[in-house]
N, C-alpha and C. Protein backbone atom coordinates (compact mmCIF):
# COMPACT_ATOMS: atom_id res chain seq x y z
N MET A 1 0.83 -1.19 0.00
CA MET A 1 0.00 0.00 0.00
C MET A 1 0.87 1.24 0.00
N GLY A 2 0.44 2.24 -0.72
CA GLY A 2 1.19 3.48 -0.80
C GLY A 2 0.83 4.43 0.31
N LYS A 3 -0.11 5.33 0.07
CA LYS A 3 -0.45 6.37 1.02
C LYS A 3 -1.43 5.88 2.09
N LEU A 4 -2.10 4.77 1.89
CA LEU A 4 -3.10 4.30 2.83
C LEU A 4 -2.44 3.67 4.06
N LYS A 5 -2.82 4.17 5.22
CA LYS A 5 -2.32 3.60 6.47
C LYS A 5 -3.38 2.61 6.97
N LEU A 6 -2.98 1.35 7.12
CA LEU A 6 -3.89 0.31 7.58
C LEU A 6 -3.55 -0.03 9.03
N GLU A 7 -4.54 0.13 9.90
CA GLU A 7 -4.39 -0.25 11.30
C GLU A 7 -5.19 -1.53 11.50
N GLN A 8 -4.50 -2.64 11.73
CA GLN A 8 -5.17 -3.94 11.82
C GLN A 8 -5.22 -4.43 13.26
N ASP A 9 -6.43 -4.78 13.69
CA ASP A 9 -6.65 -5.39 15.00
C ASP A 9 -5.89 -6.72 15.03
N PRO A 10 -5.16 -7.02 16.11
CA PRO A 10 -4.40 -8.27 16.17
C PRO A 10 -5.27 -9.53 16.07
N ARG A 11 -6.56 -9.41 16.35
CA ARG A 11 -7.46 -10.57 16.27
C ARG A 11 -7.80 -10.97 14.84
N MET A 12 -7.47 -10.12 13.88
CA MET A 12 -7.87 -10.36 12.50
C MET A 12 -7.22 -11.60 11.91
N LYS A 13 -5.95 -11.82 12.18
CA LYS A 13 -5.27 -12.98 11.60
C LYS A 13 -5.95 -14.27 12.03
N GLU A 14 -6.31 -14.37 13.28
CA GLU A 14 -7.00 -15.57 13.77
C GLU A 14 -8.39 -15.70 13.15
N LYS A 15 -9.08 -14.58 13.00
CA LYS A 15 -10.41 -14.61 12.37
C LYS A 15 -10.32 -15.15 10.95
N TYR A 16 -9.37 -14.65 10.16
CA TYR A 16 -9.22 -15.12 8.80
C TYR A 16 -8.83 -16.60 8.76
N ARG A 17 -8.01 -17.03 9.69
CA ARG A 17 -7.62 -18.45 9.76
C ARG A 17 -8.79 -19.35 10.13
N SER A 18 -9.81 -18.80 10.77
CA SER A 18 -10.95 -19.60 11.21
C SER A 18 -11.88 -20.02 10.08
N TYR A 19 -11.78 -19.37 8.93
CA TYR A 19 -12.64 -19.72 7.79
C TYR A 19 -12.12 -21.00 7.13
N PRO A 20 -13.05 -21.82 6.56
CA PRO A 20 -12.60 -22.97 5.77
C PRO A 20 -11.73 -22.46 4.61
N PRO A 21 -10.77 -23.25 4.15
CA PRO A 21 -9.82 -22.78 3.12
C PRO A 21 -10.46 -22.16 1.88
N LYS A 22 -11.50 -22.78 1.32
CA LYS A 22 -12.13 -22.22 0.11
C LYS A 22 -12.77 -20.86 0.41
N VAL A 23 -13.38 -20.75 1.57
CA VAL A 23 -14.04 -19.51 1.96
C VAL A 23 -12.99 -18.45 2.27
N ARG A 24 -11.92 -18.84 2.94
CA ARG A 24 -10.85 -17.90 3.30
C ARG A 24 -10.33 -17.19 2.06
N LYS A 25 -10.16 -17.94 0.98
CA LYS A 25 -9.68 -17.34 -0.27
C LYS A 25 -10.65 -16.27 -0.77
N LYS A 26 -11.93 -16.54 -0.72
CA LYS A 26 -12.94 -15.59 -1.19
C LYS A 26 -13.01 -14.36 -0.28
N ILE A 27 -12.96 -14.58 1.02
CA ILE A 27 -13.01 -13.48 1.98
C ILE A 27 -11.77 -12.59 1.79
N LYS A 28 -10.64 -13.20 1.55
CA LYS A 28 -9.42 -12.42 1.32
C LYS A 28 -9.52 -11.61 0.03
N MET A 29 -10.24 -12.14 -0.98
CA MET A 29 -10.46 -11.38 -2.21
C MET A 29 -11.31 -10.14 -1.93
N LEU A 30 -12.36 -10.31 -1.11
CA LEU A 30 -13.19 -9.15 -0.74
C LEU A 30 -12.37 -8.14 0.04
N ARG A 31 -11.55 -8.62 0.96
CA ARG A 31 -10.68 -7.74 1.74
C ARG A 31 -9.78 -6.92 0.81
N GLN A 32 -9.19 -7.58 -0.16
CA GLN A 32 -8.30 -6.87 -1.08
C GLN A 32 -9.07 -5.86 -1.92
N LEU A 33 -10.29 -6.18 -2.31
CA LEU A 33 -11.13 -5.23 -3.05
C LEU A 33 -11.34 -3.97 -2.22
N ILE A 34 -11.66 -4.14 -0.95
CA ILE A 34 -11.88 -2.99 -0.05
C ILE A 34 -10.60 -2.16 0.07
N LEU A 35 -9.47 -2.83 0.26
CA LEU A 35 -8.21 -2.11 0.38
C LEU A 35 -7.85 -1.37 -0.91
N ASP A 36 -8.10 -2.00 -2.06
CA ASP A 36 -7.80 -1.37 -3.35
C ASP A 36 -8.65 -0.11 -3.56
N VAL A 37 -9.94 -0.21 -3.25
CA VAL A 37 -10.83 0.95 -3.42
C VAL A 37 -10.41 2.06 -2.47
N ALA A 38 -10.10 1.71 -1.22
CA ALA A 38 -9.66 2.73 -0.25
C ALA A 38 -8.37 3.40 -0.71
N GLU A 39 -7.45 2.60 -1.24
CA GLU A 39 -6.16 3.13 -1.72
C GLU A 39 -6.36 4.15 -2.83
N GLU A 40 -7.33 3.92 -3.70
CA GLU A 40 -7.57 4.80 -4.83
C GLU A 40 -8.39 6.04 -4.47
N ASN A 41 -9.04 6.01 -3.32
CA ASN A 41 -9.88 7.13 -2.90
C ASN A 41 -9.03 8.17 -2.18
N GLU A 42 -8.93 9.36 -2.76
CA GLU A 42 -8.09 10.42 -2.19
C GLU A 42 -8.55 10.86 -0.81
N GLU A 43 -9.82 10.66 -0.47
CA GLU A 43 -10.35 11.08 0.82
C GLU A 43 -10.02 10.09 1.94
N VAL A 44 -9.56 8.91 1.58
CA VAL A 44 -9.25 7.88 2.59
C VAL A 44 -7.74 7.79 2.72
N ASN A 45 -7.23 8.18 3.87
CA ASN A 45 -5.79 8.05 4.09
C ASN A 45 -5.48 7.05 5.20
N ALA A 46 -6.50 6.63 5.93
CA ALA A 46 -6.31 5.62 6.99
C ALA A 46 -7.55 4.73 7.05
N LEU A 47 -7.31 3.46 7.31
CA LEU A 47 -8.38 2.49 7.39
C LEU A 47 -8.12 1.60 8.60
N GLU A 48 -9.16 1.38 9.38
CA GLU A 48 -9.06 0.48 10.52
C GLU A 48 -9.72 -0.85 10.16
N GLU A 49 -9.00 -1.94 10.35
CA GLU A 49 -9.54 -3.28 10.11
C GLU A 49 -9.69 -3.94 11.49
N THR A 50 -10.93 -4.23 11.85
CA THR A 50 -11.22 -4.74 13.18
C THR A 50 -12.39 -5.71 13.13
N LEU A 51 -12.82 -6.20 14.28
CA LEU A 51 -13.99 -7.06 14.36
C LEU A 51 -15.16 -6.27 14.94
N LYS A 52 -16.28 -6.30 14.26
CA LYS A 52 -17.54 -5.74 14.75
C LYS A 52 -18.57 -6.85 14.63
N TRP A 53 -19.23 -7.17 15.70
CA TRP A 53 -20.19 -8.28 15.73
C TRP A 53 -19.53 -9.58 15.28
N GLY A 54 -18.25 -9.71 15.56
CA GLY A 54 -17.51 -10.91 15.19
C GLY A 54 -17.16 -11.02 13.72
N GLU A 55 -17.39 -9.95 12.96
CA GLU A 55 -17.15 -9.95 11.52
C GLU A 55 -16.02 -9.00 11.15
N PRO A 56 -15.17 -9.36 10.18
CA PRO A 56 -14.16 -8.42 9.73
C PRO A 56 -14.84 -7.13 9.25
N SER A 57 -14.36 -6.01 9.77
CA SER A 57 -14.97 -4.72 9.49
C SER A 57 -13.90 -3.70 9.14
N PHE A 58 -14.26 -2.80 8.25
CA PHE A 58 -13.35 -1.78 7.76
C PHE A 58 -13.97 -0.42 8.01
N LEU A 59 -13.25 0.42 8.74
CA LEU A 59 -13.75 1.74 9.13
C LEU A 59 -12.79 2.82 8.67
N ALA A 60 -13.35 3.88 8.11
CA ALA A 60 -12.58 5.05 7.72
C ALA A 60 -13.23 6.27 8.37
N LYS A 61 -12.47 7.33 8.54
CA LYS A 61 -13.03 8.55 9.14
C LYS A 61 -14.20 9.09 8.31
N LYS A 62 -14.08 9.02 7.00
CA LYS A 62 -15.16 9.43 6.10
C LYS A 62 -15.71 8.17 5.45
N GLY A 63 -17.01 8.00 5.49
CA GLY A 63 -17.62 6.84 4.85
C GLY A 63 -18.23 5.89 5.86
N SER A 64 -18.90 4.91 5.34
CA SER A 64 -19.61 3.93 6.16
C SER A 64 -18.76 2.69 6.40
N THR A 65 -19.06 2.02 7.48
CA THR A 65 -18.39 0.76 7.80
C THR A 65 -18.78 -0.30 6.77
N ILE A 66 -17.80 -1.08 6.37
CA ILE A 66 -18.03 -2.23 5.49
C ILE A 66 -17.63 -3.46 6.27
N ARG A 67 -18.50 -4.48 6.25
CA ARG A 67 -18.19 -5.75 6.92
C ARG A 67 -18.22 -6.86 5.88
N ILE A 68 -17.42 -7.90 6.12
CA ILE A 68 -17.42 -9.08 5.26
C ILE A 68 -17.49 -10.31 6.16
N ASP A 69 -18.15 -11.37 5.69
CA ASP A 69 -18.21 -12.57 6.52
C ASP A 69 -18.81 -13.74 5.76
N TRP A 70 -18.68 -14.89 6.38
CA TRP A 70 -19.26 -16.16 5.94
C TRP A 70 -19.92 -16.76 7.16
N LYS A 71 -21.08 -17.37 6.96
CA LYS A 71 -21.84 -17.94 8.07
C LYS A 71 -22.04 -19.44 7.84
N THR A 72 -21.94 -20.22 8.91
CA THR A 72 -22.14 -21.66 8.79
C THR A 72 -23.58 -21.99 8.38
N LYS A 73 -24.53 -21.12 8.71
CA LYS A 73 -25.93 -21.41 8.35
C LYS A 73 -26.20 -21.22 6.85
N THR A 74 -25.33 -20.51 6.16
CA THR A 74 -25.41 -20.37 4.70
C THR A 74 -24.01 -20.68 4.14
N PRO A 75 -23.62 -21.95 4.18
CA PRO A 75 -22.24 -22.32 3.86
C PRO A 75 -21.83 -22.09 2.41
N ASP A 76 -22.78 -21.89 1.49
CA ASP A 76 -22.44 -21.66 0.09
C ASP A 76 -22.35 -20.18 -0.25
N GLN A 77 -22.45 -19.31 0.75
CA GLN A 77 -22.42 -17.88 0.49
C GLN A 77 -21.42 -17.19 1.41
N TYR A 78 -20.85 -16.12 0.90
CA TYR A 78 -20.10 -15.18 1.71
C TYR A 78 -20.60 -13.81 1.30
N ALA A 79 -20.39 -12.80 2.13
CA ALA A 79 -21.07 -11.54 1.86
C ALA A 79 -20.25 -10.32 2.26
N MET A 80 -20.62 -9.19 1.66
CA MET A 80 -20.12 -7.88 2.02
C MET A 80 -21.33 -7.07 2.47
N TYR A 81 -21.24 -6.52 3.68
CA TYR A 81 -22.36 -5.77 4.27
C TYR A 81 -22.03 -4.29 4.32
N PHE A 82 -23.03 -3.46 4.00
CA PHE A 82 -22.86 -2.02 3.97
C PHE A 82 -23.86 -1.36 4.89
N LYS A 83 -23.45 -0.25 5.47
CA LYS A 83 -24.35 0.54 6.32
C LYS A 83 -25.05 1.62 5.52
N CYS A 84 -24.44 2.12 4.46
CA CYS A 84 -24.98 3.26 3.73
C CYS A 84 -26.20 2.87 2.89
N THR A 85 -26.91 3.89 2.42
CA THR A 85 -28.11 3.66 1.61
C THR A 85 -28.02 4.35 0.26
N ARG A 86 -26.83 4.69 -0.17
CA ARG A 86 -26.64 5.35 -1.46
C ARG A 86 -26.42 4.34 -2.57
N LEU A 87 -26.53 4.83 -3.78
CA LEU A 87 -26.17 4.03 -4.95
C LEU A 87 -24.66 4.11 -5.09
N ILE A 88 -24.01 2.97 -5.15
CA ILE A 88 -22.56 3.00 -5.33
C ILE A 88 -22.20 2.24 -6.60
N HIS A 89 -21.04 2.52 -7.09
CA HIS A 89 -20.62 1.98 -8.37
C HIS A 89 -19.38 1.13 -8.16
N LEU A 90 -19.53 -0.18 -8.28
CA LEU A 90 -18.41 -1.09 -8.14
C LEU A 90 -18.00 -1.69 -9.48
N ARG A 91 -18.55 -1.15 -10.57
CA ARG A 91 -18.32 -1.74 -11.89
C ARG A 91 -16.84 -1.81 -12.24
N LYS A 92 -16.09 -0.82 -11.87
CA LYS A 92 -14.66 -0.80 -12.18
C LYS A 92 -13.96 -2.04 -11.60
N TYR A 93 -14.44 -2.50 -10.46
CA TYR A 93 -13.79 -3.60 -9.76
C TYR A 93 -14.46 -4.95 -9.97
N THR A 94 -15.79 -4.95 -10.07
CA THR A 94 -16.50 -6.22 -10.10
C THR A 94 -17.55 -6.34 -11.21
N GLY A 95 -17.78 -5.26 -11.96
CA GLY A 95 -18.81 -5.29 -12.98
C GLY A 95 -20.21 -5.12 -12.40
N ILE A 96 -20.32 -4.62 -11.17
CA ILE A 96 -21.61 -4.54 -10.48
C ILE A 96 -21.99 -3.09 -10.25
N LEU A 97 -23.21 -2.75 -10.59
CA LEU A 97 -23.81 -1.49 -10.18
C LEU A 97 -24.83 -1.88 -9.12
N LEU A 98 -24.68 -1.37 -7.93
CA LEU A 98 -25.43 -1.88 -6.79
C LEU A 98 -26.25 -0.79 -6.13
N ASN A 99 -27.52 -1.03 -5.93
CA ASN A 99 -28.36 -0.14 -5.15
C ASN A 99 -28.17 -0.51 -3.68
N MET A 100 -27.57 0.38 -2.93
CA MET A 100 -27.19 0.05 -1.56
C MET A 100 -28.36 -0.05 -0.61
N ARG A 101 -29.58 0.19 -1.06
CA ARG A 101 -30.73 -0.04 -0.18
C ARG A 101 -30.82 -1.52 0.17
N GLN A 102 -30.19 -2.36 -0.63
CA GLN A 102 -30.16 -3.79 -0.34
C GLN A 102 -29.25 -4.07 0.86
N ARG A 103 -28.23 -3.28 1.04
CA ARG A 103 -27.30 -3.31 2.17
C ARG A 103 -26.45 -4.56 2.28
N VAL A 104 -26.61 -5.52 1.39
CA VAL A 104 -25.75 -6.70 1.43
C VAL A 104 -25.53 -7.20 0.01
N LEU A 105 -24.33 -7.61 -0.25
CA LEU A 105 -23.99 -8.20 -1.53
C LEU A 105 -23.52 -9.61 -1.20
N SER A 106 -24.29 -10.62 -1.62
CA SER A 106 -23.95 -12.00 -1.31
C SER A 106 -23.37 -12.67 -2.55
N TYR A 107 -22.44 -13.57 -2.34
CA TYR A 107 -21.79 -14.28 -3.42
C TYR A 107 -21.97 -15.77 -3.21
N LEU A 108 -22.21 -16.50 -4.28
CA LEU A 108 -22.21 -17.94 -4.19
C LEU A 108 -20.77 -18.39 -4.23
N THR A 109 -20.35 -19.09 -3.22
CA THR A 109 -18.94 -19.43 -3.05
C THR A 109 -18.39 -20.22 -4.22
N LEU A 110 -19.10 -21.23 -4.67
CA LEU A 110 -18.55 -22.11 -5.69
C LEU A 110 -18.72 -21.57 -7.10
N LYS A 111 -19.83 -20.92 -7.36
CA LYS A 111 -20.11 -20.46 -8.71
C LYS A 111 -19.65 -19.04 -8.98
N MET A 112 -19.29 -18.29 -7.95
CA MET A 112 -18.84 -16.91 -8.08
C MET A 112 -19.87 -16.05 -8.79
N LYS A 113 -21.13 -16.33 -8.59
CA LYS A 113 -22.19 -15.55 -9.18
C LYS A 113 -22.75 -14.64 -8.10
N CYS A 114 -22.95 -13.36 -8.43
CA CYS A 114 -23.46 -12.43 -7.45
C CYS A 114 -24.98 -12.51 -7.39
N GLN A 115 -25.49 -12.30 -6.21
CA GLN A 115 -26.93 -12.19 -6.03
C GLN A 115 -27.20 -11.16 -4.97
N LYS A 116 -28.36 -10.52 -5.05
CA LYS A 116 -28.75 -9.54 -4.05
C LYS A 116 -29.67 -10.24 -3.05
N ARG A 117 -29.51 -9.88 -1.79
CA ARG A 117 -30.38 -10.42 -0.74
C ARG A 117 -31.20 -9.27 -0.18
N ASN A 118 -32.51 -9.46 -0.03
CA ASN A 118 -33.38 -8.42 0.54
C ASN A 118 -33.22 -8.33 2.02
């Protein structure tokens, strides 16, 4: 990372290790997407990576918290959770234009197909 200062909670390494190997790879891809977007955003110069509600969470002074996680009750999905309610544009990174009123972007782990959850 260049200008972005990442402050990582020491519990994060253990949290990432707790995911099954296939899921860990996908969660790490989402993590990298968040870091890449933050790095490119001139308004974000520091990012905190911590646990909120037991989920990996990313906080910046400006902007909404983003969380990512996988749940045993939905083992074929992993997700990115948003607090904001704006329309955001992720097409540059994922080909997705997302209405954030949905507040969650779920992925099918094996098929890598995106779906929206109400």
